[in-house]
Amino acid sequence: MSAALREAEKAYALGETPIGAVIVKDGNIIASAHNMRETGKCALYHAEILAIHQACRVLGGWRLSDCDLYVTLEPCIMCSGAISQSRIKNLYFGASDPKGGAVLSASVQNADGLFPQTNCECGILLEECSTILKNFFKDLRDGRFNKCK
């Protein structure tokens, strides 16, 4: 999760919502990414989606069944679908997202019969993951970032 937090810090420095993700296989990080929606001007550029795309390229296929995903914030419904479709074995995330999360909040991730099961664990480095988000949104309210680029 520390590596995912470093990715979130990269996003923060760009004025992006500070969410970072890494994918691990056999104890090695094979993909890392952070939010790039504002920079890339694409709604799909969530950290999880970018990391999944990178991991598929590294492994040469779309099945990530022997991989674990670490992400600093509970994935949204789009990312939860991508996690399930890519067959990621374990999902670890830091902060929950009651407003936009789709793992705990609107449990799409393990809906019976819809997707293969992904093991989920939340609260990993919770304080650090929550703090970076709180600080970012305070800076955003204070006018440090212009989100309408």
N, C-alpha and C. Protein backbone atom coordinates (compact mmCIF):
# COMPACT_ATOMS: atom_id res chain seq x y z
N MET A 1 0.83 -1.20 0.00
CA MET A 1 0.00 0.00 0.00
C MET A 1 0.87 1.26 0.00
N SER A 2 2.07 1.14 0.54
CA SER A 2 2.97 2.30 0.53
C SER A 2 3.28 2.74 -0.90
N ALA A 3 3.45 1.79 -1.80
CA ALA A 3 3.71 2.13 -3.20
C ALA A 3 2.49 2.80 -3.83
N ALA A 4 1.29 2.36 -3.47
CA ALA A 4 0.07 3.00 -3.97
C ALA A 4 -0.02 4.43 -3.45
N LEU A 5 0.38 4.65 -2.21
CA LEU A 5 0.38 6.00 -1.65
C LEU A 5 1.38 6.91 -2.38
N ARG A 6 2.51 6.36 -2.77
CA ARG A 6 3.48 7.15 -3.55
C ARG A 6 2.87 7.54 -4.90
N GLU A 7 2.09 6.66 -5.49
CA GLU A 7 1.39 6.99 -6.73
C GLU A 7 0.35 8.08 -6.48
N ALA A 8 -0.35 8.01 -5.35
CA ALA A 8 -1.33 9.04 -5.01
C ALA A 8 -0.66 10.40 -4.85
N GLU A 9 0.54 10.40 -4.30
CA GLU A 9 1.29 11.66 -4.16
C GLU A 9 1.63 12.26 -5.52
N LYS A 10 1.92 11.42 -6.49
CA LYS A 10 2.18 11.90 -7.86
C LYS A 10 0.94 12.57 -8.42
N ALA A 11 -0.22 11.96 -8.19
CA ALA A 11 -1.48 12.54 -8.66
C ALA A 11 -1.71 13.89 -8.00
N TYR A 12 -1.51 13.95 -6.70
CA TYR A 12 -1.69 15.19 -5.93
C TYR A 12 -0.85 16.31 -6.54
N ALA A 13 0.41 16.01 -6.84
CA ALA A 13 1.31 17.02 -7.39
C ALA A 13 0.83 17.56 -8.74
N LEU A 14 0.05 16.76 -9.45
CA LEU A 14 -0.50 17.17 -10.74
C LEU A 14 -1.85 17.86 -10.62
N GLY A 15 -2.38 17.93 -9.40
CA GLY A 15 -3.72 18.49 -9.21
C GLY A 15 -4.82 17.49 -9.49
N GLU A 16 -4.45 16.22 -9.55
CA GLU A 16 -5.41 15.13 -9.75
C GLU A 16 -5.87 14.62 -8.39
N THR A 17 -7.08 14.09 -8.33
CA THR A 17 -7.53 13.47 -7.09
C THR A 17 -6.51 12.39 -6.73
N PRO A 18 -5.95 12.46 -5.52
CA PRO A 18 -4.82 11.60 -5.17
C PRO A 18 -5.20 10.16 -4.85
N ILE A 19 -5.34 9.39 -5.91
CA ILE A 19 -5.60 7.96 -5.78
C ILE A 19 -4.50 7.23 -6.52
N GLY A 20 -3.92 6.27 -5.86
CA GLY A 20 -2.86 5.47 -6.46
C GLY A 20 -3.20 4.00 -6.40
N ALA A 21 -2.65 3.25 -7.36
CA ALA A 21 -2.90 1.81 -7.42
C ALA A 21 -1.63 1.09 -7.87
N VAL A 22 -1.42 -0.09 -7.32
CA VAL A 22 -0.35 -0.97 -7.78
C VAL A 22 -0.90 -2.39 -7.87
N ILE A 23 -0.35 -3.13 -8.82
CA ILE A 23 -0.72 -4.54 -8.98
C ILE A 23 0.53 -5.37 -8.72
N VAL A 24 0.34 -6.40 -7.89
CA VAL A 24 1.44 -7.24 -7.44
C VAL A 24 1.19 -8.68 -7.89
N LYS A 25 2.25 -9.30 -8.41
CA LYS A 25 2.22 -10.72 -8.76
C LYS A 25 3.48 -11.37 -8.19
N ASP A 26 3.30 -12.43 -7.47
CA ASP A 26 4.43 -13.16 -6.86
C ASP A 26 5.33 -12.24 -6.05
N GLY A 27 4.73 -11.29 -5.33
CA GLY A 27 5.47 -10.40 -4.46
C GLY A 27 6.17 -9.24 -5.15
N ASN A 28 5.99 -9.11 -6.46
CA ASN A 28 6.62 -8.03 -7.22
C ASN A 28 5.58 -7.10 -7.83
N ILE A 29 5.84 -5.81 -7.77
CA ILE A 29 4.95 -4.85 -8.42
C ILE A 29 5.15 -4.95 -9.92
N ILE A 30 4.07 -5.25 -10.64
CA ILE A 30 4.15 -5.34 -12.10
C ILE A 30 3.48 -4.16 -12.78
N ALA A 31 2.71 -3.37 -12.02
CA ALA A 31 2.04 -2.21 -12.60
C ALA A 31 1.77 -1.20 -11.50
N SER A 32 1.89 0.07 -11.85
CA SER A 32 1.57 1.14 -10.90
C SER A 32 1.00 2.31 -11.67
N ALA A 33 0.04 2.99 -11.06
CA ALA A 33 -0.61 4.11 -11.74
C ALA A 33 -1.28 5.02 -10.72
N HIS A 34 -1.63 6.20 -11.18
CA HIS A 34 -2.39 7.15 -10.37
C HIS A 34 -3.43 7.81 -11.26
N ASN A 35 -4.39 8.45 -10.62
CA ASN A 35 -5.44 9.12 -11.39
C ASN A 35 -4.84 10.09 -12.40
N MET A 36 -5.42 10.11 -13.59
CA MET A 36 -4.95 10.99 -14.67
C MET A 36 -6.13 11.59 -15.44
N ARG A 37 -7.32 11.64 -14.84
CA ARG A 37 -8.51 12.11 -15.55
C ARG A 37 -8.37 13.54 -16.04
N GLU A 38 -7.89 14.42 -15.20
CA GLU A 38 -7.76 15.83 -15.58
C GLU A 38 -6.63 16.01 -16.61
N THR A 39 -5.50 15.40 -16.34
CA THR A 39 -4.34 15.52 -17.22
C THR A 39 -4.61 14.90 -18.58
N GLY A 40 -5.19 13.71 -18.58
CA GLY A 40 -5.47 13.00 -19.82
C GLY A 40 -6.79 13.36 -20.46
N LYS A 41 -7.61 14.14 -19.74
CA LYS A 41 -8.92 14.57 -20.22
C LYS A 41 -9.77 13.38 -20.68
N CYS A 42 -9.78 12.35 -19.83
CA CYS A 42 -10.55 11.14 -20.13
C CYS A 42 -11.15 10.59 -18.84
N ALA A 43 -12.44 10.36 -18.85
CA ALA A 43 -13.15 9.85 -17.68
C ALA A 43 -12.68 8.46 -17.26
N LEU A 44 -12.07 7.72 -18.17
CA LEU A 44 -11.64 6.36 -17.88
C LEU A 44 -10.30 6.27 -17.16
N TYR A 45 -9.58 7.36 -17.05
CA TYR A 45 -8.22 7.33 -16.52
C TYR A 45 -8.15 7.31 -14.99
N HIS A 46 -8.84 6.33 -14.40
CA HIS A 46 -8.76 6.09 -12.97
C HIS A 46 -7.50 5.26 -12.72
N ALA A 47 -6.93 5.38 -11.54
CA ALA A 47 -5.71 4.66 -11.20
C ALA A 47 -5.84 3.16 -11.42
N GLU A 48 -6.97 2.60 -11.01
CA GLU A 48 -7.17 1.16 -11.12
C GLU A 48 -7.19 0.71 -12.58
N ILE A 49 -7.90 1.45 -13.41
CA ILE A 49 -8.02 1.10 -14.84
C ILE A 49 -6.65 1.16 -15.50
N LEU A 50 -5.91 2.22 -15.21
CA LEU A 50 -4.58 2.37 -15.80
C LEU A 50 -3.63 1.27 -15.33
N ALA A 51 -3.71 0.90 -14.07
CA ALA A 51 -2.86 -0.17 -13.55
C ALA A 51 -3.24 -1.52 -14.16
N ILE A 52 -4.52 -1.78 -14.29
CA ILE A 52 -4.97 -3.03 -14.91
C ILE A 52 -4.49 -3.10 -16.36
N HIS A 53 -4.63 -2.01 -17.08
CA HIS A 53 -4.17 -1.97 -18.47
C HIS A 53 -2.67 -2.27 -18.55
N GLN A 54 -1.91 -1.64 -17.68
CA GLN A 54 -0.46 -1.85 -17.67
C GLN A 54 -0.12 -3.30 -17.32
N ALA A 55 -0.79 -3.87 -16.32
CA ALA A 55 -0.52 -5.25 -15.92
C ALA A 55 -0.85 -6.23 -17.04
N CYS A 56 -1.93 -6.00 -17.76
CA CYS A 56 -2.29 -6.86 -18.89
C CYS A 56 -1.21 -6.83 -19.96
N ARG A 57 -0.66 -5.66 -20.20
CA ARG A 57 0.42 -5.54 -21.19
C ARG A 57 1.68 -6.25 -20.71
N VAL A 58 2.00 -6.11 -19.44
CA VAL A 58 3.19 -6.76 -18.88
C VAL A 58 3.07 -8.29 -18.96
N LEU A 59 1.88 -8.80 -18.62
CA LEU A 59 1.68 -10.25 -18.59
C LEU A 59 1.28 -10.83 -19.94
N GLY A 60 0.89 -9.97 -20.87
CA GLY A 60 0.51 -10.45 -22.20
C GLY A 60 -0.85 -11.11 -22.26
N GLY A 61 -1.74 -10.74 -21.38
CA GLY A 61 -3.09 -11.29 -21.38
C GLY A 61 -3.98 -10.53 -20.41
N TRP A 62 -5.27 -10.80 -20.50
CA TRP A 62 -6.22 -10.03 -19.68
C TRP A 62 -6.55 -10.68 -18.34
N ARG A 63 -6.19 -11.91 -18.15
CA ARG A 63 -6.49 -12.60 -16.89
C ARG A 63 -5.40 -12.30 -15.86
N LEU A 64 -5.80 -11.63 -14.79
CA LEU A 64 -4.87 -11.26 -13.72
C LEU A 64 -5.19 -12.07 -12.46
N SER A 65 -5.54 -13.32 -12.64
CA SER A 65 -6.05 -14.16 -11.55
C SER A 65 -5.02 -14.46 -10.46
N ASP A 66 -3.76 -14.29 -10.74
CA ASP A 66 -2.73 -14.50 -9.71
C ASP A 66 -2.18 -13.18 -9.19
N CYS A 67 -2.96 -12.11 -9.36
CA CYS A 67 -2.49 -10.77 -8.98
C CYS A 67 -3.32 -10.17 -7.86
N ASP A 68 -2.69 -9.27 -7.14
CA ASP A 68 -3.35 -8.50 -6.08
C ASP A 68 -3.30 -7.04 -6.46
N LEU A 69 -4.37 -6.33 -6.17
CA LEU A 69 -4.46 -4.89 -6.43
C LEU A 69 -4.51 -4.15 -5.11
N TYR A 70 -3.64 -3.17 -4.97
CA TYR A 70 -3.64 -2.27 -3.82
C TYR A 70 -4.03 -0.90 -4.32
N VAL A 71 -5.05 -0.30 -3.72
CA VAL A 71 -5.50 1.02 -4.14
C VAL A 71 -5.85 1.84 -2.90
N THR A 72 -5.59 3.13 -2.96
CA THR A 72 -5.73 3.97 -1.77
C THR A 72 -7.17 4.31 -1.41
N LEU A 73 -8.09 4.19 -2.37
CA LEU A 73 -9.50 4.50 -2.12
C LEU A 73 -10.37 3.39 -2.67
N GLU A 74 -11.45 3.12 -1.99
CA GLU A 74 -12.41 2.12 -2.45
C GLU A 74 -12.79 2.35 -3.91
N PRO A 75 -12.67 1.34 -4.75
CA PRO A 75 -12.97 1.51 -6.18
C PRO A 75 -14.43 1.85 -6.45
N CYS A 76 -14.62 2.63 -7.52
CA CYS A 76 -15.96 2.99 -7.99
C CYS A 76 -16.57 1.81 -8.75
N ILE A 77 -17.77 1.99 -9.24
CA ILE A 77 -18.45 0.91 -9.95
C ILE A 77 -17.72 0.53 -11.25
N MET A 78 -17.18 1.51 -11.97
CA MET A 78 -16.44 1.22 -13.20
C MET A 78 -15.21 0.37 -12.87
N CYS A 79 -14.46 0.80 -11.89
CA CYS A 79 -13.23 0.09 -11.52
C CYS A 79 -13.54 -1.27 -10.91
N SER A 80 -14.61 -1.37 -10.14
CA SER A 80 -15.00 -2.66 -9.57
C SER A 80 -15.31 -3.65 -10.68
N GLY A 81 -15.99 -3.19 -11.71
CA GLY A 81 -16.27 -4.06 -12.85
C GLY A 81 -15.00 -4.51 -13.53
N ALA A 82 -14.07 -3.59 -13.72
CA ALA A 82 -12.79 -3.94 -14.36
C ALA A 82 -11.98 -4.91 -13.49
N ILE A 83 -12.02 -4.72 -12.19
CA ILE A 83 -11.32 -5.62 -11.28
C ILE A 83 -11.90 -7.03 -11.40
N SER A 84 -13.20 -7.13 -11.41
CA SER A 84 -13.86 -8.43 -11.53
C SER A 84 -13.59 -9.05 -12.89
N GLN A 85 -13.71 -8.26 -13.94
CA GLN A 85 -13.52 -8.80 -15.28
C GLN A 85 -12.09 -9.23 -15.54
N SER A 86 -11.13 -8.63 -14.87
CA SER A 86 -9.73 -9.01 -15.06
C SER A 86 -9.32 -10.16 -14.13
N ARG A 87 -10.26 -10.60 -13.30
CA ARG A 87 -10.06 -11.76 -12.44
C ARG A 87 -9.02 -11.56 -11.33
N ILE A 88 -8.84 -10.31 -10.91
CA ILE A 88 -7.88 -10.04 -9.83
C ILE A 88 -8.28 -10.84 -8.60
N LYS A 89 -7.30 -11.49 -8.01
CA LYS A 89 -7.55 -12.41 -6.89
C LYS A 89 -7.89 -11.67 -5.60
N ASN A 90 -7.07 -10.68 -5.24
CA ASN A 90 -7.25 -9.96 -3.98
C ASN A 90 -7.24 -8.46 -4.22
N LEU A 91 -8.15 -7.78 -3.57
CA LEU A 91 -8.23 -6.32 -3.61
C LEU A 91 -8.01 -5.80 -2.20
N TYR A 92 -7.03 -4.91 -2.07
CA TYR A 92 -6.75 -4.27 -0.79
C TYR A 92 -6.89 -2.78 -1.00
N PHE A 93 -7.71 -2.11 -0.19
CA PHE A 93 -7.80 -0.66 -0.32
C PHE A 93 -7.75 0.01 1.04
N GLY A 94 -7.38 1.30 1.00
CA GLY A 94 -7.21 2.07 2.22
C GLY A 94 -8.52 2.63 2.73
N ALA A 95 -8.91 3.78 2.19
CA ALA A 95 -10.10 4.49 2.66
C ALA A 95 -11.35 4.02 1.94
N SER A 96 -12.44 3.94 2.67
CA SER A 96 -13.72 3.64 2.02
C SER A 96 -14.27 4.92 1.41
N ASP A 97 -15.19 4.76 0.47
CA ASP A 97 -15.80 5.90 -0.22
C ASP A 97 -17.32 5.73 -0.21
N PRO A 98 -17.97 6.21 0.87
CA PRO A 98 -19.42 6.02 1.00
C PRO A 98 -20.22 6.64 -0.14
N LYS A 99 -19.67 7.66 -0.76
CA LYS A 99 -20.39 8.36 -1.84
C LYS A 99 -20.23 7.66 -3.19
N GLY A 100 -19.02 7.23 -3.52
CA GLY A 100 -18.78 6.70 -4.86
C GLY A 100 -18.23 5.29 -4.91
N GLY A 101 -18.00 4.69 -3.75
CA GLY A 101 -17.42 3.35 -3.73
C GLY A 101 -18.42 2.28 -4.10
N ALA A 102 -17.90 1.21 -4.69
CA ALA A 102 -18.78 0.12 -5.11
C ALA A 102 -18.30 -1.24 -4.62
N VAL A 103 -17.54 -1.25 -3.55
CA VAL A 103 -17.12 -2.52 -2.96
C VAL A 103 -17.86 -2.72 -1.64
N LEU A 104 -17.78 -1.73 -0.76
CA LEU A 104 -18.52 -1.78 0.50
C LEU A 104 -19.88 -1.10 0.38
N SER A 105 -19.88 0.05 -0.27
CA SER A 105 -21.07 0.89 -0.31
C SER A 105 -22.18 0.29 -1.16
N ALA A 106 -21.93 0.04 -2.40
CA ALA A 106 -22.88 -0.61 -3.31
C ALA A 106 -22.17 -1.85 -3.81
N SER A 107 -22.30 -2.92 -3.09
CA SER A 107 -21.43 -4.08 -3.30
C SER A 107 -21.66 -4.79 -4.64
N VAL A 108 -21.02 -4.26 -5.65
CA VAL A 108 -21.03 -4.87 -6.97
C VAL A 108 -19.96 -5.94 -7.05
N GLN A 109 -18.86 -5.72 -6.35
CA GLN A 109 -17.68 -6.56 -6.47
C GLN A 109 -17.97 -8.04 -6.28
N ASN A 110 -18.72 -8.39 -5.28
CA ASN A 110 -18.96 -9.81 -5.00
C ASN A 110 -20.44 -10.18 -5.12
N ALA A 111 -21.14 -9.49 -6.01
CA ALA A 111 -22.55 -9.81 -6.23
C ALA A 111 -22.66 -11.25 -6.73
N ASP A 112 -23.47 -12.03 -6.06
CA ASP A 112 -23.61 -13.45 -6.41
C ASP A 112 -24.00 -13.62 -7.88
N GLY A 113 -23.27 -14.48 -8.57
CA GLY A 113 -23.60 -14.82 -9.94
C GLY A 113 -23.14 -13.85 -11.00
N LEU A 114 -22.68 -12.65 -10.63
CA LEU A 114 -22.30 -11.67 -11.63
C LEU A 114 -20.84 -11.78 -12.03
N PHE A 115 -19.95 -11.91 -11.08
CA PHE A 115 -18.53 -11.89 -11.34
C PHE A 115 -17.83 -12.98 -10.55
N PRO A 116 -16.65 -13.38 -11.00
CA PRO A 116 -15.84 -14.28 -10.16
C PRO A 116 -15.55 -13.60 -8.83
N GLN A 117 -15.36 -14.36 -7.82
CA GLN A 117 -15.12 -13.79 -6.50
C GLN A 117 -13.72 -13.16 -6.40
N THR A 118 -13.68 -11.98 -5.86
CA THR A 118 -12.43 -11.30 -5.54
C THR A 118 -12.42 -11.09 -4.04
N ASN A 119 -11.38 -11.52 -3.39
CA ASN A 119 -11.26 -11.30 -1.94
C ASN A 119 -10.95 -9.83 -1.72
N CYS A 120 -11.63 -9.22 -0.76
CA CYS A 120 -11.45 -7.79 -0.48
C CYS A 120 -11.10 -7.56 0.98
N GLU A 121 -10.17 -6.62 1.17
CA GLU A 121 -9.81 -6.20 2.53
C GLU A 121 -9.65 -4.69 2.51
N CYS A 122 -10.29 -4.03 3.46
CA CYS A 122 -10.24 -2.57 3.49
C CYS A 122 -9.54 -2.08 4.76
N GLY A 123 -9.20 -0.80 4.76
CA GLY A 123 -8.60 -0.18 5.93
C GLY A 123 -7.10 -0.29 5.99
N ILE A 124 -6.46 -0.69 4.89
CA ILE A 124 -5.00 -0.82 4.86
C ILE A 124 -4.39 0.60 4.82
N LEU A 125 -3.55 0.93 5.78
CA LEU A 125 -2.99 2.29 5.92
C LEU A 125 -4.09 3.34 5.82
N LEU A 126 -5.18 3.07 6.51
CA LEU A 126 -6.37 3.92 6.46
C LEU A 126 -6.07 5.38 6.74
N GLU A 127 -5.34 5.65 7.80
CA GLU A 127 -5.06 7.04 8.19
C GLU A 127 -4.33 7.80 7.09
N GLU A 128 -3.30 7.19 6.54
CA GLU A 128 -2.51 7.83 5.48
C GLU A 128 -3.35 8.05 4.22
N CYS A 129 -4.13 7.04 3.86
CA CYS A 129 -4.97 7.14 2.66
C CYS A 129 -6.04 8.21 2.82
N SER A 130 -6.63 8.30 4.00
CA SER A 130 -7.65 9.32 4.26
C SER A 130 -7.05 10.72 4.31
N THR A 131 -5.89 10.83 4.93
CA THR A 131 -5.26 12.15 5.11
C THR A 131 -4.90 12.80 3.78
N ILE A 132 -4.34 12.04 2.85
CA ILE A 132 -3.95 12.64 1.57
C ILE A 132 -5.19 13.15 0.82
N LEU A 133 -6.29 12.43 0.91
CA LEU A 133 -7.52 12.88 0.26
C LEU A 133 -8.09 14.12 0.94
N LYS A 134 -8.12 14.12 2.26
CA LYS A 134 -8.62 15.29 3.00
C LYS A 134 -7.78 16.53 2.70
N ASN A 135 -6.47 16.37 2.69
CA ASN A 135 -5.59 17.50 2.39
C ASN A 135 -5.80 18.02 0.98
N PHE A 136 -5.96 17.10 0.03
CA PHE A 136 -6.17 17.51 -1.36
C PHE A 136 -7.46 18.32 -1.49
N PHE A 137 -8.55 17.82 -0.93
CA PHE A 137 -9.82 18.53 -1.09
C PHE A 137 -9.84 19.85 -0.32
N LYS A 138 -9.09 19.95 0.77
CA LYS A 138 -8.93 21.24 1.44
C LYS A 138 -8.19 22.21 0.51
N ASP A 139 -7.09 21.75 -0.08
CA ASP A 139 -6.35 22.59 -1.03
C ASP A 139 -7.23 22.99 -2.22
N LEU A 140 -8.05 22.08 -2.68
CA LEU A 140 -8.94 22.36 -3.81
C LEU A 140 -9.95 23.45 -3.43
N ARG A 141 -10.53 23.33 -2.24
CA ARG A 141 -11.48 24.35 -1.76
C ARG A 141 -10.80 25.70 -1.57
N ASP A 142 -9.53 25.66 -1.19
CA ASP A 142 -8.77 26.89 -0.97
C ASP A 142 -8.26 27.51 -2.27
N GLY A 143 -8.55 26.86 -3.41
CA GLY A 143 -8.19 27.41 -4.70
C GLY A 143 -6.79 27.07 -5.18
N ARG A 144 -6.14 26.10 -4.54
CA ARG A 144 -4.78 25.74 -4.96
C ARG A 144 -4.77 25.09 -6.35
N PHE A 145 -5.83 24.35 -6.68
CA PHE A 145 -5.91 23.66 -7.96
C PHE A 145 -7.08 24.20 -8.76
N ASN A 146 -6.91 24.28 -10.05
CA ASN A 146 -8.00 24.65 -10.95
C ASN A 146 -8.47 23.37 -11.63
N LYS A 147 -9.60 22.82 -11.18
CA LYS A 147 -10.09 21.56 -11.71
C LYS A 147 -10.75 21.70 -13.07
N CYS A 148 -10.94 22.90 -13.55
CA CYS A 148 -11.58 23.10 -14.86
C CYS A 148 -10.52 23.48 -15.89
N LYS A 149 -9.59 22.58 -16.13
CA LYS A 149 -8.49 22.85 -17.06
C LYS A 149 -8.95 22.81 -18.49
